[in-house]
Protein backbone atom coordinates (compact mmCIF):
# COMPACT_ATOMS: atom_id res chain seq x y z
CA MET A 1 7.16 -107.60 40.28
CA SER A 2 5.39 -107.95 43.61
CA ASP A 3 8.55 -109.52 45.11
CA LEU A 4 10.59 -106.54 43.94
CA VAL A 5 8.13 -104.12 45.50
CA GLU A 6 8.22 -106.13 48.73
CA ARG A 7 12.03 -106.13 48.89
CA VAL A 8 12.31 -102.39 48.29
CA ALA A 9 9.58 -101.68 50.83
CA GLN A 10 11.32 -103.79 53.47
CA GLN A 11 14.74 -102.27 52.77
CA GLN A 12 13.42 -98.72 53.08
CA GLN A 13 10.64 -99.49 55.62
CA ARG A 14 8.03 -97.99 53.31
CA ASN A 15 4.26 -98.29 53.21
CA VAL A 16 3.45 -99.75 49.79
CA ALA A 17 -0.17 -98.55 49.83
CA VAL A 18 0.95 -94.98 50.48
CA ASP A 19 3.53 -95.21 47.68
CA ALA A 20 0.92 -96.62 45.30
CA TYR A 21 -1.56 -93.88 46.15
CA ARG A 22 1.16 -91.28 45.63
CA GLY A 23 1.98 -92.88 42.29
CA PHE A 24 -1.68 -92.70 41.29
CA VAL A 25 -1.76 -88.99 42.16
CA MET A 26 1.39 -88.30 40.15
CA LEU A 27 0.09 -90.25 37.15
CA LEU A 28 -3.05 -88.13 37.20
CA MET A 29 -0.83 -85.06 37.07
CA MET A 30 1.49 -86.40 34.36
CA GLY A 31 -1.57 -87.66 32.48
CA GLU A 32 -2.38 -84.10 31.42
CA VAL A 33 -0.31 -84.91 28.32
CA LEU A 34 -3.10 -87.24 27.16
CA GLN A 35 -5.15 -84.15 26.24
CA PHE A 36 -8.59 -85.73 26.60
CA SER A 37 -10.13 -82.29 26.06
CA HIS A 38 -8.89 -82.30 22.45
CA ALA A 39 -10.48 -85.70 21.85
CA ALA A 40 -13.70 -84.49 23.48
CA ARG A 41 -13.86 -81.55 21.06
CA ALA A 42 -13.18 -83.87 18.13
CA PHE A 43 -15.95 -86.26 19.24
CA PRO A 44 -18.62 -84.03 20.81
CA GLY A 45 -21.19 -86.83 20.78
CA SER A 46 -19.04 -89.23 22.83
CA HIS A 47 -20.04 -89.35 26.48
CA ILE A 48 -16.85 -91.26 27.31
CA TRP A 49 -14.54 -88.57 25.95
CA GLN A 50 -16.62 -85.84 27.60
CA PHE A 51 -16.37 -87.68 30.92
CA LEU A 52 -12.62 -88.16 30.59
CA ALA A 53 -12.11 -84.53 29.58
CA TYR A 54 -14.13 -83.24 32.53
CA ASN A 55 -12.06 -85.28 34.97
CA GLN A 56 -8.79 -84.08 33.45
CA THR A 57 -9.56 -80.40 34.06
CA HIS A 58 -10.19 -78.31 37.17
CA VAL A 59 -13.76 -77.26 37.83
CA GLU A 60 -14.39 -73.56 37.23
CA TRP A 61 -15.04 -72.76 40.89
CA SER A 62 -17.06 -74.95 43.27
CA GLY A 63 -17.15 -78.73 43.23
CA MET A 64 -14.58 -81.37 42.36
CA SER A 65 -13.32 -83.37 39.39
CA LEU A 66 -10.80 -86.20 39.55
CA HIS A 67 -8.14 -83.70 38.46
CA ASP A 68 -8.94 -81.58 41.49
CA THR A 69 -7.89 -84.44 43.78
CA ILE A 70 -4.25 -84.23 42.68
CA GLN A 71 -3.02 -81.38 44.88
CA PRO A 72 -4.88 -82.42 48.06
CA GLY A 73 -3.76 -86.01 47.50
CA PHE A 74 -0.10 -85.04 47.13
CA THR A 75 -0.35 -82.72 50.14
CA PHE A 76 -2.15 -85.32 52.27
CA LEU A 77 0.53 -87.90 51.50
CA VAL A 78 3.31 -85.49 52.46
CA GLY A 79 1.67 -85.37 55.87
CA ALA A 80 1.19 -89.14 55.98
CA ALA A 81 4.92 -89.64 55.41
CA LEU A 82 5.93 -87.36 58.28
CA PRO A 83 5.39 -89.87 61.14
CA TYR A 84 7.40 -92.47 59.19
CA SER A 85 10.21 -89.99 58.58
CA LEU A 86 10.21 -88.86 62.20
CA LYS A 87 10.38 -92.41 63.58
CA SER A 88 13.15 -93.34 61.16
CA ARG A 89 15.30 -90.39 62.15
CA GLN A 90 14.68 -90.95 65.84
CA ARG A 91 15.85 -94.57 65.45
CA LYS A 92 19.06 -93.22 63.91
CA GLY A 93 19.58 -91.02 66.96
CA GLU A 94 19.08 -87.66 65.24
CA SER A 95 18.42 -84.78 67.60
CA PHE A 96 15.32 -82.59 67.41
CA LYS A 97 17.49 -79.58 66.58
CA ARG A 98 19.05 -81.35 63.60
CA MET A 99 15.68 -82.59 62.34
CA LEU A 100 14.16 -79.13 62.66
CA ALA A 101 17.05 -77.55 60.73
CA HIS A 102 16.61 -80.11 57.94
CA THR A 103 12.86 -79.48 57.90
CA ILE A 104 13.33 -75.72 57.55
CA TRP A 105 15.83 -76.29 54.74
CA ARG A 106 13.41 -78.66 53.03
CA SER A 107 10.63 -76.09 53.33
CA PHE A 108 12.86 -73.49 51.71
CA LEU A 109 13.78 -75.84 48.85
CA LEU A 110 10.14 -76.71 48.17
CA VAL A 111 9.20 -73.03 48.00
CA ALA A 112 12.21 -72.22 45.82
CA LEU A 113 11.54 -75.14 43.48
CA GLY A 114 7.91 -74.10 43.09
CA ILE A 115 8.96 -70.54 42.20
CA PHE A 116 11.57 -71.89 39.77
CA LEU A 117 9.02 -74.03 37.94
CA ARG A 118 6.57 -71.12 37.73
CA SER A 119 9.38 -68.95 36.30
CA THR A 120 10.30 -71.14 33.32
CA GLY A 121 9.75 -69.13 30.17
CA SER A 122 9.53 -65.84 32.09
CA SER A 123 11.77 -62.83 31.58
CA MET A 124 12.56 -62.75 35.31
CA THR A 125 11.86 -64.66 38.51
CA ASN A 126 8.12 -65.06 38.87
CA TYR A 127 7.49 -64.67 42.58
CA THR A 128 4.23 -66.52 42.93
CA PHE A 129 3.25 -68.91 45.68
CA GLU A 130 0.26 -70.93 44.48
CA ASP A 131 2.27 -73.85 43.05
CA THR A 132 1.70 -77.18 44.80
CA LEU A 133 5.31 -77.46 45.98
CA THR A 134 5.35 -73.87 47.22
CA GLN A 135 2.10 -74.28 49.13
CA ILE A 136 3.42 -77.43 50.80
CA GLY A 137 6.75 -75.78 51.57
CA LEU A 138 5.13 -72.81 53.31
CA GLY A 139 3.32 -75.08 55.76
CA TYR A 140 5.72 -78.01 55.98
CA THR A 141 7.70 -76.88 59.03
CA PHE A 142 4.49 -76.25 60.98
CA ALA A 143 3.25 -79.72 60.05
CA PHE A 144 6.55 -81.21 61.24
CA LEU A 145 6.24 -79.48 64.61
CA LEU A 146 2.62 -80.59 65.01
CA THR A 147 3.67 -84.18 64.30
CA TYR A 148 5.21 -84.12 67.78
CA ALA A 149 1.90 -83.15 69.39
CA ARG A 150 -0.57 -85.60 70.85
CA PRO A 151 -3.49 -86.59 68.58
CA ARG A 152 -5.87 -84.48 70.66
CA TRP A 153 -3.81 -81.35 70.04
CA GLN A 154 -3.44 -82.19 66.38
CA TRP A 155 -7.22 -82.27 66.03
CA ILE A 156 -7.53 -79.04 68.05
CA SER A 157 -4.89 -77.42 65.84
CA LEU A 158 -6.72 -78.55 62.71
CA GLY A 159 -10.00 -77.13 63.98
CA GLY A 160 -8.35 -73.91 65.13
CA ILE A 161 -6.61 -73.35 61.79
CA LEU A 162 -9.74 -73.93 59.73
CA PHE A 163 -12.07 -71.94 61.98
CA SER A 164 -9.68 -68.97 62.28
CA TYR A 165 -9.18 -68.90 58.53
CA TRP A 166 -12.92 -69.12 57.90
CA LEU A 167 -13.61 -66.35 60.42
CA ALA A 168 -11.03 -64.02 58.87
CA TRP A 169 -12.68 -64.42 55.47
CA ALA A 170 -16.17 -64.06 56.91
CA LEU A 171 -15.22 -60.77 58.58
CA TYR A 172 -13.65 -59.35 55.44
CA PRO A 173 -16.21 -57.26 53.48
CA ALA A 174 -17.98 -59.15 50.69
CA PRO A 175 -18.14 -57.48 47.24
CA GLY A 176 -21.00 -55.01 46.91
CA ALA A 177 -23.62 -54.70 44.20
CA ASN A 178 -21.49 -52.27 42.17
CA PHE A 179 -18.25 -54.26 42.43
CA ASP A 180 -16.10 -54.00 39.27
CA TRP A 181 -15.62 -57.65 38.40
CA ALA A 182 -13.79 -56.92 35.14
CA ALA A 183 -11.06 -55.08 37.09
CA VAL A 184 -10.14 -58.32 38.88
CA GLY A 185 -10.25 -60.54 35.81
CA VAL A 186 -13.72 -62.04 36.30
CA PRO A 187 -15.37 -62.38 32.86
CA ALA A 188 -18.88 -61.20 32.12
CA ASP A 189 -20.17 -64.77 31.71
CA TRP A 190 -18.95 -65.76 35.18
CA HIS A 191 -22.25 -64.84 36.89
CA GLN A 192 -23.34 -68.48 37.24
CA HIS A 193 -20.32 -69.07 39.52
CA LEU A 194 -20.83 -66.01 41.72
CA TYR A 195 -22.28 -66.57 45.18
CA THR A 196 -24.81 -64.30 46.81
CA GLY A 197 -25.57 -63.68 50.47
CA PHE A 198 -23.06 -64.82 53.10
CA ALA A 199 -21.26 -67.16 50.68
CA ALA A 200 -20.25 -64.09 48.61
CA HIS A 201 -17.22 -63.79 50.91
CA TRP A 202 -15.73 -66.63 48.86
CA ASN A 203 -16.22 -65.20 45.37
CA LYS A 204 -13.36 -65.07 42.90
CA ASN A 205 -10.74 -62.33 43.30
CA SER A 206 -12.89 -60.28 45.68
CA ASN A 207 -11.85 -61.82 48.98
CA LEU A 208 -9.34 -61.57 51.81
CA GLY A 209 -6.75 -63.68 49.98
CA GLN A 210 -6.94 -61.43 46.93
CA ALA A 211 -6.43 -58.32 49.08
CA PHE A 212 -3.39 -59.92 50.71
CA ASP A 213 -1.82 -60.81 47.36
CA VAL A 214 -2.38 -57.33 45.91
CA TRP A 215 -0.25 -56.08 48.80
CA PHE A 216 2.25 -58.92 49.27
CA LEU A 217 3.06 -59.84 45.66
CA ASN A 218 3.65 -56.18 44.77
CA VAL A 219 6.27 -55.92 47.51
CA LEU A 220 8.36 -58.39 45.48
CA PRO A 221 10.11 -57.48 42.19
CA ARG A 222 7.94 -58.14 39.13
CA PRO A 223 7.71 -56.81 35.58
CA SER A 224 4.33 -55.18 36.18
CA ARG A 225 1.98 -54.57 39.08
CA PHE A 226 0.07 -57.63 40.27
CA LEU A 227 -3.69 -57.14 39.93
CA TYR A 228 -5.16 -60.63 40.19
CA ASN A 229 -4.52 -64.32 39.49
CA GLY A 230 -6.46 -65.47 36.45
CA GLY A 231 -7.44 -68.73 38.10
CA GLY A 232 -8.26 -67.16 41.45
CA TYR A 233 -5.38 -68.96 43.20
CA LEU A 234 -3.95 -67.38 46.36
CA THR A 235 -0.82 -67.32 48.50
CA LEU A 236 -2.76 -67.62 51.76
CA SER A 237 -4.18 -70.97 50.68
CA PHE A 238 -1.12 -72.52 52.31
CA ILE A 239 -2.87 -72.05 55.68
CA PRO A 240 -5.84 -74.39 55.06
CA THR A 241 -3.46 -76.54 52.98
CA LEU A 242 -1.62 -77.11 56.25
CA GLY A 243 -4.90 -78.59 57.46
CA THR A 244 -4.76 -81.13 54.63
CA MET A 245 -1.22 -82.04 55.68
CA LEU A 246 -2.38 -82.49 59.27
CA LEU A 247 -5.05 -84.94 58.11
CA GLY A 248 -2.25 -86.86 56.43
CA VAL A 249 -0.19 -86.78 59.63
CA LEU A 250 -3.15 -88.31 61.49
CA ALA A 251 -3.44 -91.03 58.83
CA GLY A 252 0.27 -91.81 59.17
CA ARG A 253 -0.07 -91.95 62.96
CA TRP A 254 -3.00 -94.37 62.66
CA PHE A 255 -0.88 -96.61 60.44
CA HIS A 256 1.85 -96.69 63.09
CA GLU A 257 -0.43 -97.20 66.07
CA SER A 258 -2.37 -100.03 64.40
CA ALA A 259 0.61 -101.92 62.92
CA PRO A 260 0.69 -104.65 61.81
CA LYS A 261 -3.06 -104.29 61.27
CA ILE A 262 -4.46 -101.76 58.81
CA PRO A 263 -6.92 -99.26 60.34
CA LEU A 264 -9.41 -99.50 57.47
CA ARG A 265 -12.38 -98.77 59.72
CA LYS A 266 -10.81 -95.54 60.98
CA PHE A 267 -9.94 -94.48 57.44
CA ALA A 268 -13.43 -95.19 56.14
CA LEU A 269 -15.13 -93.39 59.04
CA ALA A 270 -12.81 -90.39 58.63
CA ALA A 271 -13.62 -90.31 54.91
CA LEU A 272 -17.36 -90.32 55.57
CA ALA A 273 -17.28 -87.78 58.41
CA LEU A 274 -15.03 -85.31 56.59
CA CYS A 275 -16.97 -85.47 53.33
CA LEU A 276 -20.27 -84.97 55.17
CA ALA A 277 -18.87 -82.03 57.15
CA GLY A 278 -17.66 -80.33 53.97
CA LEU A 279 -20.98 -80.89 52.20
CA VAL A 280 -22.99 -79.52 55.13
CA LEU A 281 -20.89 -76.34 55.19
CA HIS A 282 -21.25 -76.02 51.42
CA PHE A 283 -25.00 -76.51 51.06
CA THR A 284 -25.86 -74.39 54.09
CA GLY A 285 -23.90 -71.50 52.57
CA ILE A 286 -21.58 -71.29 55.57
CA CYS A 287 -18.49 -72.04 53.49
CA PRO A 288 -18.56 -73.27 49.87
CA ILE A 289 -16.32 -76.08 48.60
CA VAL A 290 -13.80 -74.30 46.35
CA LYS A 291 -10.46 -75.86 45.54
CA ARG A 292 -8.90 -72.82 43.86
CA ILE A 293 -8.99 -70.81 47.10
CA TRP A 294 -8.76 -73.90 49.35
CA THR A 295 -11.72 -73.05 51.55
CA PRO A 296 -11.94 -74.79 54.95
CA SER A 297 -14.87 -76.83 53.63
CA TRP A 298 -12.63 -77.90 50.72
CA THR A 299 -9.99 -79.01 53.23
CA LEU A 300 -12.58 -81.19 54.96
CA PHE A 301 -14.24 -82.58 51.82
CA SER A 302 -11.03 -83.22 49.88
CA GLY A 303 -9.47 -84.68 53.03
CA GLY A 304 -12.36 -87.12 53.18
CA VAL A 305 -11.74 -88.07 49.55
CA CYS A 306 -8.06 -88.63 50.38
CA PHE A 307 -9.02 -90.96 53.23
CA ALA A 308 -11.38 -92.79 50.85
CA PHE A 309 -8.56 -93.33 48.34
CA LEU A 310 -6.24 -94.44 51.14
CA THR A 311 -8.89 -96.91 52.32
CA VAL A 312 -9.18 -98.45 48.85
CA PHE A 313 -5.43 -98.65 48.25
CA SER A 314 -4.80 -100.14 51.72
CA TRP A 315 -7.56 -102.72 51.25
CA VAL A 316 -6.36 -103.82 47.82
CA ILE A 317 -2.63 -103.81 48.59
CA ASP A 318 -2.26 -104.53 52.30
CA VAL A 319 -5.35 -106.60 53.03
CA LYS A 320 -5.84 -108.46 49.73
CA LYS A 321 -2.07 -108.51 49.03
CA HIS A 322 -2.38 -107.48 45.37
CA ARG A 323 1.04 -105.88 45.37
CA GLY A 324 1.81 -106.84 41.77
CA ILE A 325 -1.01 -104.55 40.65
CA ALA A 326 0.56 -101.74 42.64
CA PHE A 327 3.98 -102.06 40.99
CA PRO A 328 3.48 -99.53 38.12
CA LEU A 329 2.19 -97.00 40.64
CA VAL A 330 4.92 -97.65 43.20
CA VAL A 331 7.58 -96.96 40.55
CA VAL A 332 6.14 -93.47 40.20
CA GLY A 333 5.19 -92.93 43.83
CA MET A 334 8.65 -93.64 45.19
CA ASN A 335 10.10 -90.91 42.96
CA SER A 336 7.35 -88.31 43.16
CA ILE A 337 9.67 -85.27 43.02
CA ALA A 338 11.38 -86.66 39.91
CA ALA A 339 7.96 -87.32 38.36
CA TYR A 340 6.86 -83.77 39.19
CA LEU A 341 9.95 -82.30 37.54
CA MET A 342 9.58 -84.50 34.46
CA ALA A 343 6.01 -83.38 33.92
CA HIS A 344 7.01 -79.72 34.15
CA LEU A 345 10.36 -79.72 32.35
CA PHE A 346 10.56 -82.64 29.89
CA GLU A 347 7.23 -82.57 28.07
CA GLU A 348 8.20 -80.26 25.21
CA PHE A 349 11.49 -82.06 24.51
CA ILE A 350 9.96 -85.54 24.53
CA GLN A 351 6.97 -84.61 22.40
CA SER A 352 9.03 -82.70 19.85
CA SER A 353 11.33 -85.74 19.59
CA PHE A 354 8.39 -88.02 18.81
CA ARG A 355 7.09 -85.56 16.21
CA ILE A 356 10.50 -85.41 14.54
CA HIS A 357 11.22 -89.14 14.48
CA LEU A 358 7.73 -90.59 13.99
CA GLY A 359 6.18 -87.91 11.82
CA ASP A 360 2.56 -86.91 11.32
CA SER A 361 1.68 -90.05 9.39
CA VAL A 362 2.29 -92.25 12.45
CA LEU A 363 0.85 -89.85 15.02
CA ASN A 364 -2.31 -89.43 12.91
CA CYS A 365 -2.80 -93.17 12.38
CA MET A 366 -6.01 -93.06 14.46
CA GLY A 367 -7.17 -89.77 12.99
CA PRO A 368 -6.31 -86.14 13.82
CA GLY A 369 -8.82 -86.10 16.68
CA LEU A 370 -6.82 -88.70 18.61
CA ALA A 371 -3.33 -87.64 17.52
CA PRO A 372 -2.64 -85.52 20.66
CA THR A 373 -3.84 -88.38 22.88
CA LEU A 374 -1.60 -90.89 21.10
CA LEU A 375 1.35 -88.50 21.49
CA GLY A 376 0.40 -88.19 25.16
CA VAL A 377 0.40 -91.97 25.61
CA LEU A 378 3.92 -92.14 24.15
CA THR A 379 5.06 -89.27 26.39
CA LEU A 380 3.53 -90.76 29.51
CA GLY A 381 5.10 -94.11 28.67
CA THR A 382 8.48 -92.41 28.34
CA TYR A 383 8.07 -90.77 31.73
CA TRP A 384 7.30 -94.15 33.29
CA LEU A 385 10.26 -95.91 31.63
CA MET A 386 12.59 -93.20 32.93
CA LEU A 387 11.18 -93.64 36.43
CA PHE A 388 11.40 -97.43 36.11
CA TRP A 389 15.09 -97.14 35.21
CA MET A 390 15.62 -94.95 38.27
CA PHE A 391 13.68 -97.45 40.40
CA ARG A 392 15.83 -100.39 39.23
CA LYS A 393 19.02 -98.38 39.80
CA LYS A 394 17.70 -97.20 43.19
CA VAL A 395 18.02 -93.57 42.17
CA PHE A 396 15.48 -91.62 44.22
CA VAL A 397 15.26 -87.83 44.18
CA ARG A 398 14.89 -86.45 47.70
CA ILE A 399 14.64 -82.95 49.10
């Protein structure tokens, strides 16, 4: 298996650690079918199931679970791949104009695909822009252009983006004492998640991003007037999300500049510095760490976590040469768009097929509390086998 990974990597000039990390991120996303939360409810006294369930759901507002690392990880790795893509196209003699046109087209396709996936089951096109693919698409062309900049200007751009975004939110009026939380979908028992003082600028559905969406999303055709997003997600989050992509671009640049060595020290120091910066901003009340609205402190903290993951994967795969271990992840990581589509479009068909052909007696063999998890294991295994077939046939979905 490790030989096969090595051959494919050499043929396509790919970074195996990056592919493995991407595969890990996609497996976390596809792993939602395991439904650990159902098992946790069935076994309320089990700390293991409670732990697994917590890390398979998004936190309510501030903080981070393992599940919350999926979107920043995928976004970070899109940025990390940009220097590789740029160098490859330059070696082929492609002009800047041609590459820019392709990048703009790719950005459009990512946005369109995100809207399409959010519209499945709807009576009409659901123009919403908080999907992972849409958020990446909105910032992708800017990330491509900044890939051409010197590292100094990339860091300056990152700082400028995050500071400007933070300042815009800080200047927007915070909700007052008599704010009608129910009108923006914030339940009565949400008070433990509401910030006070300066941090109140980053409360749910009472911020600059919410005001923008109430205007922007109602310009577009929709069955009824947009009032709020139930999860607090926002269109404008693509701006600090661009910051996450830029951190990935810097990681990809470090890979190139250090080759054939692996810049583990740089990765580890970046992980530590970014996490500390995010935590300082959070605990001082300057800017809380909130994934759902992608605060600048979240960009820094989650970016640090991404660098930490990249450090571990690079050490295990590139330094210790355990590439056989990486194989199941590489199969998924090299076809991340296909994996994303499978998780969003194939789940119902695959699971209904297992219910029909196996029946309740088989699916309940470990008890009703674990039946959804068993069905999830079978579904996840099916996803992987489909991706493995595509890997062996060298069928890779690209945008």
